[in-house]
Amino acid sequence: MGVGGVPPQALLWLFLISFIALATPLNPDDPNVCSHWESYAVTVQESYAHPFDQVYYTRCTDILNWFKCTRHRLVKMAVYLAEQ
């Protein structure tokens, strides 16, 4: 049994008949029905974090490099991608 003692098949038929009854007044030849389609392009901008190797120098005890040592640091920078 379905809802309220009504069989599921009867509920399905009732739904289909009510849907058809709602869709019947839509006539494409009616002057009040809009049939104009308009398309336009939208630009979407997306940002994400991109890993970037940053080089920096520190003081150290290396006399051959004039007491300057090279270090690397991994930094995440925001990258923007615009697509249409």
PDB file of N, CA and C in Angstrom:
ATOM      1  N   MET A   1       0.840  -1.182   0.000  1.00  0.00           N
ATOM      2  CA  MET A   1       0.000   0.000   0.000  1.00  0.00           C
ATOM      3  C   MET A   1       0.884   1.244   0.000  1.00  0.00           C
ATOM      4  N   GLY A   2       0.411   2.284  -0.585  1.00  0.00           N
ATOM      5  CA  GLY A   2       1.144   3.544  -0.688  1.00  0.00           C
ATOM      6  C   GLY A   2       0.745   4.491   0.422  1.00  0.00           C
ATOM      7  N   VAL A   3       0.731   5.737   0.114  1.00  0.00           N
ATOM      8  CA  VAL A   3       0.423   6.795   1.076  1.00  0.00           C
ATOM      9  C   VAL A   3      -1.082   6.863   1.293  1.00  0.00           C
ATOM     10  N   GLY A   4      -1.493   6.800   2.516  1.00  0.00           N
ATOM     11  CA  GLY A   4      -2.916   6.923   2.853  1.00  0.00           C
ATOM     12  C   GLY A   4      -3.772   5.791   2.320  1.00  0.00           C
ATOM     13  N   GLY A   5      -3.204   4.634   2.113  1.00  0.00           N
ATOM     14  CA  GLY A   5      -3.970   3.492   1.625  1.00  0.00           C
ATOM     15  C   GLY A   5      -4.157   3.488   0.115  1.00  0.00           C
ATOM     16  N   VAL A   6      -3.520   4.392  -0.614  1.00  0.00           N
ATOM     17  CA  VAL A   6      -3.634   4.460  -2.079  1.00  0.00           C
ATOM     18  C   VAL A   6      -2.473   3.686  -2.680  1.00  0.00           C
ATOM     19  N   PRO A   7      -2.747   2.812  -3.668  1.00  0.00           N
ATOM     20  CA  PRO A   7      -1.663   2.022  -4.276  1.00  0.00           C
ATOM     21  C   PRO A   7      -0.643   2.930  -4.989  1.00  0.00           C
ATOM     22  N   PRO A   8       0.625   2.523  -5.036  1.00  0.00           N
ATOM     23  CA  PRO A   8       1.666   3.342  -5.672  1.00  0.00           C
ATOM     24  C   PRO A   8       1.404   3.597  -7.149  1.00  0.00           C
ATOM     25  N   GLN A   9       0.794   2.650  -7.852  1.00  0.00           N
ATOM     26  CA  GLN A   9       0.512   2.851  -9.277  1.00  0.00           C
ATOM     27  C   GLN A   9      -0.484   3.994  -9.469  1.00  0.00           C
ATOM     28  N   ALA A  10      -1.457   4.101  -8.598  1.00  0.00           N
ATOM     29  CA  ALA A  10      -2.443   5.177  -8.701  1.00  0.00           C
ATOM     30  C   ALA A  10      -1.772   6.525  -8.449  1.00  0.00           C
ATOM     31  N   LEU A  11      -0.829   6.583  -7.511  1.00  0.00           N
ATOM     32  CA  LEU A  11      -0.110   7.824  -7.252  1.00  0.00           C
ATOM     33  C   LEU A  11       0.743   8.231  -8.462  1.00  0.00           C
ATOM     34  N   LEU A  12       1.343   7.240  -9.115  1.00  0.00           N
ATOM     35  CA  LEU A  12       2.152   7.519 -10.298  1.00  0.00           C
ATOM     36  C   LEU A  12       1.287   8.075 -11.420  1.00  0.00           C
ATOM     37  N   TRP A  13       0.136   7.460 -11.667  1.00  0.00           N
ATOM     38  CA  TRP A  13      -0.772   7.939 -12.721  1.00  0.00           C
ATOM     39  C   TRP A  13      -1.286   9.341 -12.393  1.00  0.00           C
ATOM     40  N   LEU A  14      -1.590   9.580 -11.148  1.00  0.00           N
ATOM     41  CA  LEU A  14      -2.069  10.899 -10.737  1.00  0.00           C
ATOM     42  C   LEU A  14      -0.993  11.964 -10.970  1.00  0.00           C
ATOM     43  N   PHE A  15       0.238  11.621 -10.670  1.00  0.00           N
ATOM     44  CA  PHE A  15       1.349  12.542 -10.903  1.00  0.00           C
ATOM     45  C   PHE A  15       1.531  12.827 -12.388  1.00  0.00           C
ATOM     46  N   LEU A  16       1.509  11.781 -13.222  1.00  0.00           N
ATOM     47  CA  LEU A  16       1.697  11.961 -14.666  1.00  0.00           C
ATOM     48  C   LEU A  16       0.583  12.792 -15.281  1.00  0.00           C
ATOM     49  N   ILE A  17      -0.670  12.541 -14.872  1.00  0.00           N
ATOM     50  CA  ILE A  17      -1.806  13.291 -15.418  1.00  0.00           C
ATOM     51  C   ILE A  17      -1.719  14.754 -15.006  1.00  0.00           C
ATOM     52  N   SER A  18      -1.334  15.026 -13.775  1.00  0.00           N
ATOM     53  CA  SER A  18      -1.228  16.418 -13.338  1.00  0.00           C
ATOM     54  C   SER A  18      -0.069  17.122 -14.038  1.00  0.00           C
ATOM     55  N   PHE A  19       1.021  16.419 -14.328  1.00  0.00           N
ATOM     56  CA  PHE A  19       2.152  17.005 -15.050  1.00  0.00           C
ATOM     57  C   PHE A  19       1.755  17.340 -16.480  1.00  0.00           C
ATOM     58  N   ILE A  20       1.052  16.456 -17.139  1.00  0.00           N
ATOM     59  CA  ILE A  20       0.594  16.706 -18.514  1.00  0.00           C
ATOM     60  C   ILE A  20      -0.384  17.867 -18.533  1.00  0.00           C
ATOM     61  N   ALA A  21      -1.251  17.942 -17.534  1.00  0.00           N
ATOM     62  CA  ALA A  21      -2.214  19.043 -17.474  1.00  0.00           C
ATOM     63  C   ALA A  21      -1.507  20.386 -17.295  1.00  0.00           C
ATOM     64  N   LEU A  22      -0.392  20.414 -16.582  1.00  0.00           N
ATOM     65  CA  LEU A  22       0.357  21.664 -16.411  1.00  0.00           C
ATOM     66  C   LEU A  22       1.121  22.046 -17.670  1.00  0.00           C
ATOM     67  N   ALA A  23       1.590  21.075 -18.427  1.00  0.00           N
ATOM     68  CA  ALA A  23       2.391  21.347 -19.615  1.00  0.00           C
ATOM     69  C   ALA A  23       1.537  21.623 -20.848  1.00  0.00           C
ATOM     70  N   THR A  24       0.266  21.303 -20.850  1.00  0.00           N
ATOM     71  CA  THR A  24      -0.590  21.478 -22.016  1.00  0.00           C
ATOM     72  C   THR A  24      -0.738  22.940 -22.435  1.00  0.00           C
ATOM     73  N   PRO A  25      -0.892  23.920 -21.537  1.00  0.00           N
ATOM     74  CA  PRO A  25      -1.088  25.297 -21.995  1.00  0.00           C
ATOM     75  C   PRO A  25       0.138  25.914 -22.670  1.00  0.00           C
ATOM     76  N   LEU A  26       1.292  25.281 -22.614  1.00  0.00           N
ATOM     77  CA  LEU A  26       2.481  25.837 -23.256  1.00  0.00           C
ATOM     78  C   LEU A  26       2.445  25.540 -24.745  1.00  0.00           C
ATOM     79  N   ASN A  27       2.181  26.571 -25.537  1.00  0.00           N
ATOM     80  CA  ASN A  27       2.092  26.438 -26.986  1.00  0.00           C
ATOM     81  C   ASN A  27       3.190  27.297 -27.602  1.00  0.00           C
ATOM     82  N   PRO A  28       4.107  26.727 -28.374  1.00  0.00           N
ATOM     83  CA  PRO A  28       5.196  27.518 -28.944  1.00  0.00           C
ATOM     84  C   PRO A  28       4.713  28.576 -29.940  1.00  0.00           C
ATOM     85  N   ASP A  29       3.507  28.404 -30.518  1.00  0.00           N
ATOM     86  CA  ASP A  29       2.986  29.381 -31.474  1.00  0.00           C
ATOM     87  C   ASP A  29       2.291  30.545 -30.779  1.00  0.00           C
ATOM     88  N   ASP A  30       2.143  30.472 -29.485  1.00  0.00           N
ATOM     89  CA  ASP A  30       1.497  31.540 -28.732  1.00  0.00           C
ATOM     90  C   ASP A  30       2.405  32.778 -28.730  1.00  0.00           C
ATOM     91  N   PRO A  31       1.879  33.993 -28.982  1.00  0.00           N
ATOM     92  CA  PRO A  31       2.737  35.190 -29.014  1.00  0.00           C
ATOM     93  C   PRO A  31       3.330  35.547 -27.650  1.00  0.00           C
ATOM     94  N   ASN A  32       2.805  34.978 -26.570  1.00  0.00           N
ATOM     95  CA  ASN A  32       3.333  35.270 -25.232  1.00  0.00           C
ATOM     96  C   ASN A  32       4.460  34.331 -24.809  1.00  0.00           C
ATOM     97  N   VAL A  33       4.816  33.393 -25.673  1.00  0.00           N
ATOM     98  CA  VAL A  33       5.901  32.462 -25.358  1.00  0.00           C
ATOM     99  C   VAL A  33       7.192  33.020 -25.941  1.00  0.00           C
ATOM    100  N   CYS A  34       8.192  33.153 -25.093  1.00  0.00           N
ATOM    101  CA  CYS A  34       9.474  33.718 -25.517  1.00  0.00           C
ATOM    102  C   CYS A  34      10.302  32.630 -26.186  1.00  0.00           C
ATOM    103  N   SER A  35      10.752  32.902 -27.393  1.00  0.00           N
ATOM    104  CA  SER A  35      11.583  31.933 -28.098  1.00  0.00           C
ATOM    105  C   SER A  35      12.911  32.548 -28.510  1.00  0.00           C
ATOM    106  N   HIS A  36      13.250  33.688 -27.959  1.00  0.00           N
ATOM    107  CA  HIS A  36      14.500  34.369 -28.279  1.00  0.00           C
ATOM    108  C   HIS A  36      15.600  33.868 -27.350  1.00  0.00           C
ATOM    109  N   TRP A  37      16.672  33.364 -27.953  1.00  0.00           N
ATOM    110  CA  TRP A  37      17.801  32.872 -27.186  1.00  0.00           C
ATOM    111  C   TRP A  37      18.949  33.859 -27.324  1.00  0.00           C
ATOM    112  N   GLU A  38      19.579  34.173 -26.226  1.00  0.00           N
ATOM    113  CA  GLU A  38      20.704  35.092 -26.244  1.00  0.00           C
ATOM    114  C   GLU A  38      21.857  34.451 -25.494  1.00  0.00           C
ATOM    115  N   SER A  39      23.015  34.424 -26.140  1.00  0.00           N
ATOM    116  CA  SER A  39      24.182  33.838 -25.479  1.00  0.00           C
ATOM    117  C   SER A  39      25.242  34.929 -25.297  1.00  0.00           C
ATOM    118  N   TYR A  40      26.014  34.788 -24.274  1.00  0.00           N
ATOM    119  CA  TYR A  40      27.064  35.743 -23.993  1.00  0.00           C
ATOM    120  C   TYR A  40      28.212  35.014 -23.306  1.00  0.00           C
ATOM    121  N   ALA A  41      29.389  35.586 -23.442  1.00  0.00           N
ATOM    122  CA  ALA A  41      30.583  34.974 -22.864  1.00  0.00           C
ATOM    123  C   ALA A  41      30.836  35.561 -21.477  1.00  0.00           C
ATOM    124  N   VAL A  42      31.266  34.708 -20.599  1.00  0.00           N
ATOM    125  CA  VAL A  42      31.582  35.114 -19.230  1.00  0.00           C
ATOM    126  C   VAL A  42      33.033  34.729 -18.959  1.00  0.00           C
ATOM    127  N   THR A  43      33.790  35.692 -18.456  1.00  0.00           N
ATOM    128  CA  THR A  43      35.176  35.410 -18.097  1.00  0.00           C
ATOM    129  C   THR A  43      35.229  34.962 -16.642  1.00  0.00           C
ATOM    130  N   VAL A  44      35.868  33.823 -16.416  1.00  0.00           N
ATOM    131  CA  VAL A  44      35.987  33.257 -15.079  1.00  0.00           C
ATOM    132  C   VAL A  44      37.443  33.354 -14.657  1.00  0.00           C
ATOM    133  N   GLN A  45      37.675  33.885 -13.472  1.00  0.00           N
ATOM    134  CA  GLN A  45      39.029  33.975 -12.954  1.00  0.00           C
ATOM    135  C   GLN A  45      39.182  33.000 -11.794  1.00  0.00           C
ATOM    136  N   GLU A  46      40.200  32.190 -11.906  1.00  0.00           N
ATOM    137  CA  GLU A  46      40.438  31.147 -10.909  1.00  0.00           C
ATOM    138  C   GLU A  46      41.818  31.381 -10.300  1.00  0.00           C
ATOM    139  N   SER A  47      41.928  31.204  -9.014  1.00  0.00           N
ATOM    140  CA  SER A  47      43.229  31.348  -8.368  1.00  0.00           C
ATOM    141  C   SER A  47      43.565  30.070  -7.606  1.00  0.00           C
ATOM    142  N   TYR A  48      44.833  29.757  -7.599  1.00  0.00           N
ATOM    143  CA  TYR A  48      45.299  28.589  -6.853  1.00  0.00           C
ATOM    144  C   TYR A  48      46.723  28.844  -6.374  1.00  0.00           C
ATOM    145  N   ALA A  49      47.143  28.099  -5.377  1.00  0.00           N
ATOM    146  CA  ALA A  49      48.484  28.249  -4.819  1.00  0.00           C
ATOM    147  C   ALA A  49      49.472  27.427  -5.642  1.00  0.00           C
ATOM    148  N   HIS A  50      50.535  28.088  -6.087  1.00  0.00           N
ATOM    149  CA  HIS A  50      51.546  27.433  -6.903  1.00  0.00           C
ATOM    150  C   HIS A  50      52.884  27.477  -6.156  1.00  0.00           C
ATOM    151  N   PRO A  51      53.560  26.332  -6.002  1.00  0.00           N
ATOM    152  CA  PRO A  51      54.845  26.337  -5.292  1.00  0.00           C
ATOM    153  C   PRO A  51      55.920  27.084  -6.099  1.00  0.00           C
ATOM    154  N   PHE A  52      56.717  27.851  -5.412  1.00  0.00           N
ATOM    155  CA  PHE A  52      57.734  28.672  -6.044  1.00  0.00           C
ATOM    156  C   PHE A  52      59.006  28.588  -5.203  1.00  0.00           C
ATOM    157  N   ASP A  53      60.139  28.357  -5.880  1.00  0.00           N
ATOM    158  CA  ASP A  53      61.421  28.253  -5.187  1.00  0.00           C
ATOM    159  C   ASP A  53      62.017  29.651  -5.042  1.00  0.00           C
ATOM    160  N   GLN A  54      62.136  30.118  -3.816  1.00  0.00           N
ATOM    161  CA  GLN A  54      62.684  31.444  -3.556  1.00  0.00           C
ATOM    162  C   GLN A  54      64.130  31.298  -3.085  1.00  0.00           C
ATOM    163  N   VAL A  55      65.033  32.004  -3.742  1.00  0.00           N
ATOM    164  CA  VAL A  55      66.457  31.969  -3.396  1.00  0.00           C
ATOM    165  C   VAL A  55      66.767  33.190  -2.536  1.00  0.00           C
ATOM    166  N   TYR A  56      67.460  32.952  -1.417  1.00  0.00           N
ATOM    167  CA  TYR A  56      67.873  34.067  -0.573  1.00  0.00           C
ATOM    168  C   TYR A  56      69.271  33.773  -0.031  1.00  0.00           C
ATOM    169  N   TYR A  57      69.921  34.817   0.441  1.00  0.00           N
ATOM    170  CA  TYR A  57      71.309  34.705   0.896  1.00  0.00           C
ATOM    171  C   TYR A  57      71.397  35.022   2.387  1.00  0.00           C
ATOM    172  N   THR A  58      72.246  34.260   3.074  1.00  0.00           N
ATOM    173  CA  THR A  58      72.470  34.486   4.501  1.00  0.00           C
ATOM    174  C   THR A  58      73.972  34.585   4.761  1.00  0.00           C
ATOM    175  N   ARG A  59      74.279  35.090   5.920  1.00  0.00           N
ATOM    176  CA  ARG A  59      75.681  35.138   6.324  1.00  0.00           C
ATOM    177  C   ARG A  59      76.094  33.766   6.830  1.00  0.00           C
ATOM    178  N   CYS A  60      77.304  33.389   6.495  1.00  0.00           N
ATOM    179  CA  CYS A  60      77.819  32.106   6.977  1.00  0.00           C
ATOM    180  C   CYS A  60      79.334  32.188   7.090  1.00  0.00           C
ATOM    181  N   THR A  61      79.952  31.093   7.424  1.00  0.00           N
ATOM    182  CA  THR A  61      81.403  31.076   7.660  1.00  0.00           C
ATOM    183  C   THR A  61      82.189  30.631   6.434  1.00  0.00           C
ATOM    184  N   ASP A  62      81.557  30.644   5.265  1.00  0.00           N
ATOM    185  CA  ASP A  62      82.238  30.210   4.035  1.00  0.00           C
ATOM    186  C   ASP A  62      83.048  31.382   3.475  1.00  0.00           C
ATOM    187  N   ILE A  63      84.363  31.320   3.641  1.00  0.00           N
ATOM    188  CA  ILE A  63      85.224  32.431   3.215  1.00  0.00           C
ATOM    189  C   ILE A  63      85.354  32.494   1.698  1.00  0.00           C
ATOM    190  N   LEU A  64      85.189  31.358   1.006  1.00  0.00           N
ATOM    191  CA  LEU A  64      85.320  31.342  -0.456  1.00  0.00           C
ATOM    192  C   LEU A  64      84.171  32.095  -1.140  1.00  0.00           C
ATOM    193  N   ASN A  65      83.025  32.178  -0.500  1.00  0.00           N
ATOM    194  CA  ASN A  65      81.879  32.897  -1.065  1.00  0.00           C
ATOM    195  C   ASN A  65      81.671  34.243  -0.377  1.00  0.00           C
ATOM    196  N   TRP A  66      82.726  34.789   0.200  1.00  0.00           N
ATOM    197  CA  TRP A  66      82.665  36.083   0.876  1.00  0.00           C
ATOM    198  C   TRP A  66      81.634  36.088   1.994  1.00  0.00           C
ATOM    199  N   PHE A  67      81.563  35.010   2.742  1.00  0.00           N
ATOM    200  CA  PHE A  67      80.685  34.847   3.913  1.00  0.00           C
ATOM    201  C   PHE A  67      79.198  34.963   3.558  1.00  0.00           C
ATOM    202  N   LYS A  68      78.881  34.566   2.339  1.00  0.00           N
ATOM    203  CA  LYS A  68      77.495  34.625   1.897  1.00  0.00           C
ATOM    204  C   LYS A  68      77.105  33.242   1.384  1.00  0.00           C
ATOM    205  N   CYS A  69      76.039  32.671   1.960  1.00  0.00           N
ATOM    206  CA  CYS A  69      75.571  31.340   1.549  1.00  0.00           C
ATOM    207  C   CYS A  69      74.196  31.455   0.893  1.00  0.00           C
ATOM    208  N   THR A  70      73.992  30.625  -0.094  1.00  0.00           N
ATOM    209  CA  THR A  70      72.720  30.598  -0.805  1.00  0.00           C
ATOM    210  C   THR A  70      71.789  29.600  -0.136  1.00  0.00           C
ATOM    211  N   ARG A  71      70.560  30.016   0.097  1.00  0.00           N
ATOM    212  CA  ARG A  71      69.540  29.145   0.687  1.00  0.00           C
ATOM    213  C   ARG A  71      68.322  29.141  -0.235  1.00  0.00           C
ATOM    214  N   HIS A  72      67.538  28.086  -0.100  1.00  0.00           N
ATOM    215  CA  HIS A  72      66.301  27.965  -0.887  1.00  0.00           C
ATOM    216  C   HIS A  72      65.126  27.813   0.066  1.00  0.00           C
ATOM    217  N   ARG A  73      64.026  28.426  -0.322  1.00  0.00           N
ATOM    218  CA  ARG A  73      62.821  28.356   0.486  1.00  0.00           C
ATOM    219  C   ARG A  73      61.654  28.090  -0.475  1.00  0.00           C
ATOM    220  N   LEU A  74      60.783  27.181  -0.102  1.00  0.00           N
ATOM    221  CA  LEU A  74      59.602  26.877  -0.912  1.00  0.00           C
ATOM    222  C   LEU A  74      58.452  27.760  -0.449  1.00  0.00           C
ATOM    223  N   VAL A  75      57.987  28.613  -1.346  1.00  0.00           N
ATOM    224  CA  VAL A  75      56.929  29.565  -1.032  1.00  0.00           C
ATOM    225  C   VAL A  75      55.750  29.272  -1.957  1.00  0.00           C
ATOM    226  N   LYS A  76      54.535  29.380  -1.416  1.00  0.00           N
ATOM    227  CA  LYS A  76      53.349  29.195  -2.255  1.00  0.00           C
ATOM    228  C   LYS A  76      52.796  30.567  -2.602  1.00  0.00           C
ATOM    229  N   MET A  77      52.706  30.827  -3.903  1.00  0.00           N
ATOM    230  CA  MET A  77      52.211  32.114  -4.382  1.00  0.00           C
ATOM    231  C   MET A  77      50.863  31.903  -5.067  1.00  0.00           C
ATOM    232  N   ALA A  78      50.026  32.916  -5.027  1.00  0.00           N
ATOM    233  CA  ALA A  78      48.732  32.841  -5.701  1.00  0.00           C
ATOM    234  C   ALA A  78      48.925  33.092  -7.189  1.00  0.00           C
ATOM    235  N   VAL A  79      48.408  32.174  -7.989  1.00  0.00           N
ATOM    236  CA  VAL A  79      48.459  32.293  -9.444  1.00  0.00           C
ATOM    237  C   VAL A  79      47.036  32.440  -9.936  1.00  0.00           C
ATOM    238  N   TYR A  80      46.822  33.372 -10.853  1.00  0.00           N
ATOM    239  CA  TYR A  80      45.480  33.635 -11.367  1.00  0.00           C
ATOM    240  C   TYR A  80      45.383  33.177 -12.812  1.00  0.00           C
ATOM    241  N   LEU A  81      44.299  32.490 -13.095  1.00  0.00           N
ATOM    242  CA  LEU A  81      44.055  31.978 -14.437  1.00  0.00           C
ATOM    243  C   LEU A  81      42.696  32.509 -14.876  1.00  0.00           C
ATOM    244  N   ALA A  82      42.686  33.264 -15.968  1.00  0.00           N
ATOM    245  CA  ALA A  82      41.419  33.795 -16.490  1.00  0.00           C
ATOM    246  C   ALA A  82      41.099  33.049 -17.787  1.00  0.00           C
ATOM    247  N   GLU A  83      39.894  32.515 -17.862  1.00  0.00           N
ATOM    248  CA  GLU A  83      39.479  31.795 -19.060  1.00  0.00           C
ATOM    249  C   GLU A  83      38.067  32.208 -19.427  1.00  0.00           C
ATOM    250  N   GLN A  84      37.803  32.113 -20.713  1.00  0.00           N
ATOM    251  CA  GLN A  84      36.501  32.536 -21.198  1.00  0.00           C
ATOM    252  C   GLN A  84      35.752  31.346 -21.730  1.00  0.00           C
TER     253      GLN A  84
END
